Every structure is written in structure tokens, then in C-alpha cells.
Protein backbone atom coordinates (compact mmCIF):
# COMPACT_ATOMS: atom_id res chain seq x y z
CA MET A 1 -114.71 -17.65 -54.48
CA ALA A 2 -116.04 -19.36 -57.62
CA SER A 3 -116.03 -17.69 -61.02
CA ARG A 4 -117.87 -18.77 -64.12
CA VAL A 5 -116.52 -18.22 -67.63
CA THR A 6 -118.63 -18.95 -70.72
CA LEU A 7 -116.86 -19.82 -73.97
CA PRO A 8 -119.00 -20.05 -77.13
CA TRP A 9 -118.02 -22.82 -79.50
CA ARG A 10 -119.03 -22.88 -83.18
CA SER A 11 -119.13 -26.06 -85.23
CA ALA A 12 -117.34 -25.61 -88.52
CA SER A 13 -115.08 -27.55 -90.81
CA PRO A 14 -111.40 -26.79 -90.45
CA ILE A 15 -109.82 -24.66 -93.07
CA GLY A 16 -106.38 -25.89 -93.93
CA PRO A 17 -104.03 -26.31 -96.83
CA SER A 18 -105.82 -29.47 -98.08
CA SER A 19 -109.20 -27.79 -98.39
CA THR A 20 -107.85 -24.70 -100.08
CA SER A 21 -105.73 -26.69 -102.51
CA SER A 22 -108.73 -28.74 -103.67
CA GLY A 23 -110.62 -25.59 -104.47
CA ALA A 24 -113.37 -26.12 -101.89
CA ALA A 25 -114.91 -22.98 -100.54
CA PRO A 26 -114.17 -22.22 -96.89
CA VAL A 27 -116.99 -22.97 -94.46
CA PRO A 28 -118.34 -19.80 -92.83
CA LEU A 29 -118.23 -19.65 -89.02
CA ASP A 30 -121.46 -17.66 -88.79
CA GLY A 31 -124.60 -17.84 -90.86
CA PRO A 32 -128.05 -19.33 -91.07
CA GLY A 33 -126.72 -22.80 -91.71
CA VAL A 34 -124.32 -22.92 -88.73
CA GLN A 35 -125.57 -24.27 -85.40
CA ALA A 36 -123.94 -23.02 -82.17
CA ASP A 37 -123.06 -25.62 -79.58
CA ALA A 38 -124.08 -25.19 -75.95
CA PRO A 39 -121.80 -22.81 -73.96
CA ARG A 40 -119.08 -24.48 -72.00
CA ALA A 41 -118.83 -23.39 -68.36
CA ILE A 42 -115.47 -23.26 -66.57
CA ALA A 43 -115.73 -22.97 -62.78
CA SER A 44 -112.74 -22.14 -60.54
CA ARG A 45 -112.47 -21.88 -56.77
CA ASP A 46 -109.72 -20.32 -54.67
CA PRO A 47 -107.71 -22.74 -52.53
CA LEU A 48 -108.76 -23.06 -48.92
CA SER A 49 -105.51 -21.48 -47.72
CA ASP A 50 -106.17 -18.35 -49.81
CA GLN A 51 -109.69 -18.08 -48.47
CA VAL A 52 -108.51 -18.41 -44.87
CA PHE A 53 -105.75 -15.84 -45.39
CA ARG A 54 -108.06 -13.34 -47.07
CA ARG A 55 -110.72 -13.61 -44.37
CA THR A 56 -108.15 -13.45 -41.56
CA ALA A 57 -106.50 -10.36 -43.03
CA PHE A 58 -109.87 -8.70 -43.54
CA ALA A 59 -110.88 -9.48 -39.95
CA ALA A 60 -107.58 -8.11 -38.59
CA GLY A 61 -107.95 -4.88 -40.54
CA THR A 62 -111.57 -4.50 -39.46
CA ILE A 63 -110.68 -5.06 -35.80
CA THR A 64 -107.84 -2.53 -35.96
CA VAL A 65 -110.04 0.17 -37.47
CA GLY A 66 -112.81 -0.74 -35.03
CA ILE A 67 -110.50 -0.31 -32.03
CA MET A 68 -109.38 3.09 -33.26
CA LEU A 69 -112.97 4.22 -33.78
CA ALA A 70 -113.93 2.82 -30.37
CA VAL A 71 -111.16 4.84 -28.70
CA GLY A 72 -112.33 8.01 -30.43
CA LEU A 73 -115.95 7.30 -29.51
CA PHE A 74 -115.03 6.59 -25.88
CA LEU A 75 -113.09 9.85 -25.58
CA SER A 76 -115.91 11.80 -27.23
CA LEU A 77 -118.56 10.40 -24.90
CA ARG A 78 -116.48 10.93 -21.76
CA ALA A 79 -115.48 14.44 -22.85
CA ALA A 80 -119.02 15.53 -23.76
CA ASP A 81 -119.73 17.01 -20.31
CA ALA A 82 -116.60 19.18 -20.26
CA LEU A 83 -116.91 20.25 -23.88
CA GLY A 84 -120.56 21.12 -23.35
CA THR A 85 -119.59 23.35 -20.42
CA MET A 86 -116.72 25.22 -22.07
CA GLY A 87 -117.69 25.06 -25.71
CA VAL A 88 -115.24 26.56 -28.20
CA SER A 89 -113.44 28.42 -25.42
CA PHE A 90 -111.90 25.09 -24.43
CA LEU A 91 -109.43 25.61 -27.27
CA TYR A 92 -108.13 29.05 -26.24
CA VAL A 93 -108.45 29.28 -22.43
CA GLN A 94 -105.05 28.94 -20.73
CA ASP A 95 -106.14 28.13 -17.18
CA TRP A 96 -106.88 24.62 -15.89
CA SER A 97 -109.37 24.67 -13.01
CA PRO A 98 -112.19 22.20 -13.68
CA GLU A 99 -113.54 22.81 -10.17
CA THR A 100 -114.31 26.43 -11.08
CA ARG A 101 -115.39 25.53 -14.61
CA THR A 102 -112.48 27.48 -16.10
CA PHE A 103 -110.15 25.32 -18.14
CA GLY A 104 -108.75 24.99 -21.63
CA VAL A 105 -105.94 23.41 -23.63
CA ALA A 106 -104.35 26.50 -25.19
CA ALA A 107 -101.24 26.57 -22.99
CA ILE A 108 -101.06 22.78 -22.71
CA LEU A 109 -101.36 22.26 -26.44
CA PHE A 110 -98.77 24.98 -27.06
CA GLY A 111 -96.31 23.23 -24.77
CA THR A 112 -97.02 19.88 -26.43
CA VAL A 113 -96.30 21.25 -29.89
CA THR A 114 -93.24 23.17 -28.66
CA ILE A 115 -91.64 20.08 -27.12
CA ALA A 116 -92.44 18.05 -30.24
CA LEU A 117 -90.90 20.63 -32.58
CA ILE A 118 -87.73 20.82 -30.47
CA ALA A 119 -87.58 17.02 -30.52
CA LEU A 120 -87.93 17.12 -34.30
CA ALA A 121 -85.10 19.65 -34.63
CA VAL A 122 -82.87 17.31 -32.61
CA SER A 123 -83.91 13.99 -34.12
CA PHE A 124 -84.07 14.90 -37.81
CA PRO A 125 -80.33 15.46 -38.47
CA LEU A 126 -79.42 12.47 -36.29
CA SER A 127 -81.91 10.20 -38.07
CA LEU A 128 -80.95 11.38 -41.55
CA GLY A 129 -77.24 10.94 -40.92
CA THR A 130 -77.68 7.55 -39.24
CA SER A 131 -79.92 6.21 -42.02
CA LEU A 132 -77.44 7.31 -44.71
CA LEU A 133 -74.61 5.72 -42.72
CA LEU A 134 -76.46 2.40 -42.47
CA SER A 135 -77.63 2.30 -46.08
CA GLU A 136 -74.69 3.83 -47.97
CA VAL A 137 -71.48 3.69 -45.95
CA VAL A 138 -71.12 0.63 -43.71
CA SER A 139 -71.76 -2.90 -44.88
CA GLY A 140 -71.57 -6.52 -43.80
CA ARG A 141 -71.64 -7.49 -40.16
CA LEU A 142 -71.00 -3.95 -39.01
CA ARG A 143 -74.19 -2.78 -40.73
CA GLY A 144 -76.22 -5.58 -39.15
CA PHE A 145 -74.82 -4.76 -35.71
CA LEU A 146 -75.55 -1.05 -36.04
CA VAL A 147 -79.06 -1.67 -37.38
CA SER A 148 -79.79 -3.92 -34.40
CA LEU A 149 -78.34 -1.33 -32.04
CA VAL A 150 -80.53 1.46 -33.42
CA ASP A 151 -83.61 -0.74 -33.35
CA LEU A 152 -82.91 -1.67 -29.73
CA MET A 153 -83.10 2.02 -28.81
CA ALA A 154 -86.83 1.85 -29.51
CA ALA A 155 -87.16 -0.83 -26.81
CA VAL A 156 -85.68 1.34 -24.05
CA PRO A 157 -88.52 2.31 -21.65
CA SER A 158 -89.57 5.95 -21.50
CA ILE A 159 -88.86 6.15 -17.79
CA VAL A 160 -85.21 5.29 -18.43
CA PHE A 161 -84.91 8.21 -20.84
CA GLY A 162 -86.65 10.39 -18.24
CA LEU A 163 -84.23 9.43 -15.49
CA TRP A 164 -81.29 10.00 -17.81
CA GLY A 165 -82.68 13.41 -18.77
CA VAL A 166 -83.27 14.51 -15.17
CA TYR A 167 -80.07 13.28 -13.53
CA PHE A 168 -77.52 13.58 -16.33
CA LEU A 169 -78.62 15.57 -19.36
CA GLN A 170 -80.18 18.48 -17.48
CA GLY A 171 -76.95 19.37 -15.70
CA ALA A 172 -75.00 19.15 -18.96
CA ILE A 173 -77.52 21.19 -20.95
CA ILE A 174 -77.90 24.12 -18.53
CA PRO A 175 -74.57 25.75 -19.60
CA VAL A 176 -75.61 25.32 -23.23
CA SER A 177 -79.00 26.89 -22.54
CA ARG A 178 -77.35 29.79 -20.74
CA TRP A 179 -74.92 30.34 -23.64
CA ILE A 180 -77.78 30.34 -26.15
CA SER A 181 -79.70 32.82 -24.01
CA ILE A 182 -76.73 35.17 -23.72
CA TRP A 183 -75.76 35.21 -27.39
CA PHE A 184 -79.15 34.71 -29.02
CA GLY A 185 -81.39 36.30 -26.43
CA TRP A 186 -82.35 38.97 -28.96
CA ILE A 187 -84.54 36.25 -30.52
CA PRO A 188 -87.69 36.14 -28.33
CA VAL A 189 -87.89 32.35 -28.08
CA PHE A 190 -84.29 32.13 -26.79
CA ALA A 191 -84.61 34.91 -24.21
CA VAL A 192 -84.91 34.05 -20.51
CA THR A 193 -86.35 37.03 -18.63
CA ASP A 194 -88.46 37.80 -15.59
CA ALA A 195 -91.79 39.64 -15.52
CA SER A 196 -90.06 43.01 -15.89
CA GLY A 197 -87.99 41.89 -18.89
CA ALA A 198 -84.66 41.63 -17.06
CA PRO A 199 -82.58 38.65 -18.19
CA TYR A 200 -82.08 35.70 -15.88
CA THR A 201 -78.62 34.18 -15.46
CA GLU A 202 -79.18 31.79 -12.52
CA ALA A 203 -79.02 28.08 -13.32
CA SER A 204 -82.40 27.50 -11.71
CA ALA A 205 -84.06 29.54 -14.47
CA PHE A 206 -82.96 27.01 -17.09
CA THR A 207 -84.05 23.75 -15.44
CA SER A 208 -87.17 21.73 -16.28
CA SER A 209 -87.65 23.56 -19.57
CA ALA A 210 -89.28 22.61 -22.85
CA PHE A 211 -85.80 22.67 -24.40
CA ILE A 212 -84.50 19.88 -22.16
CA ALA A 213 -87.68 17.83 -22.54
CA GLY A 214 -87.53 18.25 -26.31
CA ILE A 215 -83.95 16.97 -26.47
CA VAL A 216 -84.84 13.85 -24.48
CA VAL A 217 -87.91 13.15 -26.63
CA GLY A 218 -85.82 13.77 -29.73
CA PHE A 219 -83.47 10.94 -28.78
CA MET A 220 -86.49 8.72 -28.18
CA VAL A 221 -87.92 9.17 -31.70
CA VAL A 222 -84.60 8.69 -33.53
CA PRO A 223 -85.11 4.89 -34.01
CA THR A 224 -88.55 5.39 -35.58
CA GLN A 225 -87.37 8.00 -38.03
CA THR A 226 -84.14 6.14 -38.85
CA SER A 227 -86.00 2.92 -39.67
CA ILE A 228 -88.34 4.62 -42.16
CA MET A 229 -85.57 6.65 -43.82
CA ARG A 230 -83.19 3.72 -44.07
CA GLU A 231 -85.85 1.58 -45.77
CA ALA A 232 -86.58 4.34 -48.29
CA PHE A 233 -82.89 4.88 -49.08
CA ALA A 234 -82.25 1.15 -49.48
CA ARG A 235 -84.88 1.00 -52.25
CA ALA A 236 -82.98 3.38 -54.53
CA PRO A 237 -82.42 1.53 -57.85
CA ILE A 238 -79.02 -0.09 -58.16
CA GLY A 239 -78.88 0.81 -61.85
CA GLU A 240 -79.13 4.51 -61.14
CA ARG A 241 -76.49 4.21 -58.43
CA GLU A 242 -74.06 2.51 -60.81
CA GLY A 243 -74.94 4.99 -63.54
CA ALA A 244 -73.99 7.88 -61.28
CA TYR A 245 -70.66 6.24 -60.46
CA ALA A 246 -70.06 5.52 -64.16
CA LEU A 247 -70.47 9.21 -64.93
CA GLY A 248 -67.71 10.02 -62.45
CA SER A 249 -69.80 10.89 -59.42
CA THR A 250 -68.41 10.63 -55.92
CA ARG A 251 -70.28 8.78 -53.20
CA TRP A 252 -71.77 12.00 -51.87
CA GLY A 253 -72.64 13.06 -55.40
CA MET A 254 -74.45 9.74 -55.96
CA ILE A 255 -76.31 10.13 -52.66
CA ARG A 256 -77.33 13.67 -53.54
CA ALA A 257 -78.40 12.84 -57.10
CA VAL A 258 -80.00 9.41 -56.60
CA VAL A 259 -80.58 8.33 -53.01
CA LEU A 260 -81.94 11.53 -51.49
CA PRO A 261 -84.40 12.31 -54.33
CA PHE A 262 -85.64 8.71 -54.35
CA GLY A 263 -86.06 8.60 -50.58
CA LYS A 264 -87.65 12.04 -50.26
CA GLY A 265 -91.05 10.58 -49.42
CA GLY A 266 -89.53 8.30 -46.79
CA VAL A 267 -87.73 11.23 -45.19
CA ILE A 268 -90.94 13.25 -44.96
CA GLY A 269 -92.99 10.29 -43.78
CA GLY A 270 -90.45 9.21 -41.15
CA THR A 271 -90.17 12.77 -39.85
CA MET A 272 -93.94 13.08 -39.47
CA LEU A 273 -94.22 9.68 -37.79
CA GLY A 274 -91.56 10.81 -35.32
CA LEU A 275 -93.52 14.01 -34.76
CA GLY A 276 -96.64 11.96 -34.02
CA ARG A 277 -94.82 9.98 -31.36
CA ALA A 278 -93.21 13.08 -29.86
CA LEU A 279 -96.63 14.68 -29.41
CA GLY A 280 -97.83 11.78 -27.30
CA GLU A 281 -94.75 11.13 -25.15
CA THR A 282 -95.74 11.05 -21.47
CA ILE A 283 -93.44 9.73 -18.76
CA ALA A 284 -90.16 11.33 -19.85
CA VAL A 285 -91.83 14.72 -20.29
CA TYR A 286 -93.70 14.36 -17.00
CA MET A 287 -90.43 13.70 -15.13
CA ILE A 288 -88.55 16.64 -16.66
CA ILE A 289 -90.86 19.64 -17.01
CA SER A 290 -92.18 21.96 -14.33
CA PRO A 291 -95.90 22.17 -15.23
CA ILE A 292 -97.45 25.61 -15.83
CA PHE A 293 -100.75 26.63 -17.40
CA THR A 294 -99.74 29.75 -19.27
CA ILE A 295 -98.18 29.99 -22.72
CA ASN A 296 -94.40 30.23 -22.33
CA TRP A 297 -92.72 31.49 -25.48
CA GLN A 298 -89.25 31.23 -23.90
CA VAL A 299 -88.32 27.61 -24.57
CA LEU A 300 -85.12 27.77 -22.49
CA LYS A 301 -86.92 28.99 -19.37
CA THR A 302 -88.27 26.79 -16.60
CA GLY A 303 -91.88 25.80 -17.07
CA SER A 304 -93.84 24.01 -19.77
CA ASN A 305 -96.59 21.45 -20.09
CA SER A 306 -98.05 18.81 -22.39
CA VAL A 307 -101.38 17.07 -22.75
CA SER A 308 -100.05 13.63 -21.88
CA ALA A 309 -98.11 14.92 -18.86
CA LEU A 310 -101.21 16.79 -17.65
CA ILE A 311 -103.29 13.61 -17.79
CA ALA A 312 -100.62 11.67 -15.90
CA LEU A 313 -100.38 14.44 -13.29
CA ARG A 314 -104.09 15.04 -12.63
CA TYR A 315 -105.71 11.68 -13.34
CA GLY A 316 -105.37 10.21 -9.84
CA GLU A 317 -106.89 13.17 -7.99
CA ALA A 318 -109.48 14.31 -10.53
CA SER A 319 -113.21 14.47 -9.79
CA GLU A 320 -115.84 13.13 -12.18
CA PHE A 321 -115.99 16.44 -14.02
CA GLY A 322 -112.20 16.73 -13.87
CA LEU A 323 -111.92 13.37 -15.59
CA SER A 324 -114.24 14.62 -18.30
CA ALA A 325 -111.96 17.63 -18.79
CA LEU A 326 -108.92 15.36 -19.04
CA MET A 327 -110.75 13.21 -21.57
CA ALA A 328 -111.44 16.32 -23.62
CA ALA A 329 -107.73 17.17 -23.62
CA GLY A 330 -106.95 13.59 -24.62
CA LEU A 331 -109.46 13.82 -27.46
CA VAL A 332 -107.70 16.88 -28.87
CA LEU A 333 -104.35 15.08 -28.74
CA PHE A 334 -105.89 11.95 -30.27
CA LEU A 335 -107.26 13.87 -33.26
CA LEU A 336 -103.99 15.77 -33.74
CA THR A 337 -101.81 12.65 -33.77
CA LEU A 338 -104.33 10.83 -35.96
CA VAL A 339 -104.11 13.48 -38.65
CA ILE A 340 -100.31 13.54 -38.52
CA ASN A 341 -99.94 9.74 -38.65
CA PHE A 342 -102.42 9.32 -41.49
CA THR A 343 -100.61 11.99 -43.49
CA ALA A 344 -97.24 10.35 -42.81
CA SER A 345 -98.53 6.89 -43.77
CA SER A 346 -99.87 8.13 -47.09
CA ILE A 347 -96.56 9.84 -47.89
CA VAL A 348 -94.57 6.71 -47.02
CA ALA A 349 -96.90 4.53 -49.14
CA ARG A 350 -96.47 6.78 -52.16
CA SER A 351 -92.69 6.86 -51.77
CA ARG A 352 -92.46 3.06 -52.17
CA SER A 353 -93.45 3.21 -55.81
CA GLY A 354 -90.02 4.43 -56.83
CA ALA A 355 -91.43 7.46 -58.63
CA GLN A 356 -89.50 9.81 -56.39
CA SER A 357 -86.23 9.22 -58.19
CA ASP A 358 -84.92 11.96 -60.43
CA GLY A 359 -82.63 9.64 -62.39
């Protein structure tokens, strides 16, 4: 890109010590007797490499945004038939029977959010502790090994987590779920009762629950949250760290006074990014839960559902109208995760300025 700069030049005699010492009057730079020379143009052009980089980056960003908009447009067009049939009731109907034109995402969306919140309750303390360990405690080769190990967790396929949850974790968690139900059953979400309100104690009542699915998904989002938090903590200014130590602070005192306030935006952003992934998890949830289409407030009890698991379950056998209904459910999930991820990205971007530090 060429730019043009115009510099006016005036013709005048120099004013120096010799002219002033001889008593000559200084020559004015402006006036009726002074003629202005023609403007001098300076043209500059960016190097070819900069032009190529700028255009490539612009094209990549445009394509990315275009793909996202295309996905939203595709879902909207395919879901138009189902949304036109149900209208606003699509958001609060709990049944799912597209063949009878009675379906909605109320129970499915409730199960999706429930599993994601349980996953967040599991992953947040693990991610926060792991990120502080990697950024503030260990160092050298051990830190590099642990960072690689945590990052490799993100590469484990979802189906592996699902198999682990079904065949190992579920059997180990059932006694824990039963203990929580016995001692904290007075809290409605931790109660496990039948239709008459009598408490269940059989192990079969605690299998395939939102609680177990949430724990598995929580382990799956730990690498994402840990990576964001660790990066935010590592950017805490070294001067403020040393200042805290110089004032007699302990390591925990320095972390509490410097690292945590500085990385607050990264903690919030990483948590929300993990929540966005937990909302869309499919295979692991599909393998663990027992799908139902009513709102289940008892998270320890058998039976839950999620939008992604519903699509995986019904896609192969759905009719044309059933596919439209599934697309409508996918559109709701798409908009929900889009809002959460955009919010998280803006928080993470603001936290990189360093203004979050209280030092």
C-alpha cells in the first residue's frame, strides 16, 4: 500500500552566528518576497511479504467467519419446518415425538445444562490447582513433562472417556452417589426418590445419571481450562512477584496477592470455554446416560439427556420432519455455545493486557 507525504520547503537564507554577528537582519521565512518551492512527494510501499501476509490473514479470518455463518444459516434453513410447526412452544415442551408434532427442547436443554454445570464443578478446582502447580511450583524438565502430559489429555478420543466412564467410573461412583443421597437427600437435587416420594437405595437407581456423565465430561474439559489459566498465570509481572517476596510474603501469599488477581480474567475465560465444550460433548454422554424426555431435578438418579446425545441417538432413524426437529435442537445448542464462547474469548483477550493485577 503506497502512501504519499507532502513536505513544503521554503527558500530562505540560513540564520547563523555569522549573519547575526555582522548585524544583518534575519531573512523572514514567510512574506510577500519569499517564493515557495514545489512540494516534495515521498512515496512508500509495503514489502511484498507484508502484503502477502496481510491478505492471507484477512482471507483466513473471512473464511472462518463465513464458515460459522454458513453453519448457522444451514441449521436455520433446515430447522425452519419444525420451528414453524411448534413456534415458541418448542422451547418449553418436554416431549419429543416429531411424528405426532409434539416435541420441544425443554427437558433436553435442561439435561445439557445440568451435565455441563456438574462438569464445571468437577473441572474447575482440578484445572485451577493444576495450572498453579505448573506455573508456580514445579520447574525445569518436570514442568515441561507435566505440561505435555496435560495437553495430551485433550487428544484422548471422547469414546475412550465414555468407555472408561461406563465400565470403571460408574461402578466406583455409585457408592458415592448413594452416600450423597443418604446424607444430603434433604436437598432436592441430591434426593433419589420414586413417584411417591419414597427414597431409592438400590444401585440401579444411581446408574446412567447426569452426575456420572458430568464427572466424565469434567475430566475431558480439564486440559482446555488448564491451558488458558496457566497462560494467564504465567504472564504475572516478575517485578510484582519479587516485590511480594521482598515484603516477606510466602509463596501462597504471593500467589494470592499477585498471580490470582492478575490471572482473574484467564480463570473466568478458561472456565467459560470449558463450559462451552461441555455443552456440546456427544459420544461420552451418549454412552453413559439413560435418555429421558422429562425434566429430572434429581441429578444422582438414573435418566438424563442432552442435545448432542439426542441428535446422535435419533439421527439414523429420523424422518424428513424428524431431521428438521433435530436441526432445530442443534440450532439452539449452536446459539448457546456461540454466546458462551464469544463471551469467554472477550474476557481472555482483556485479561492479556495486564490490567488485572492489583499490585
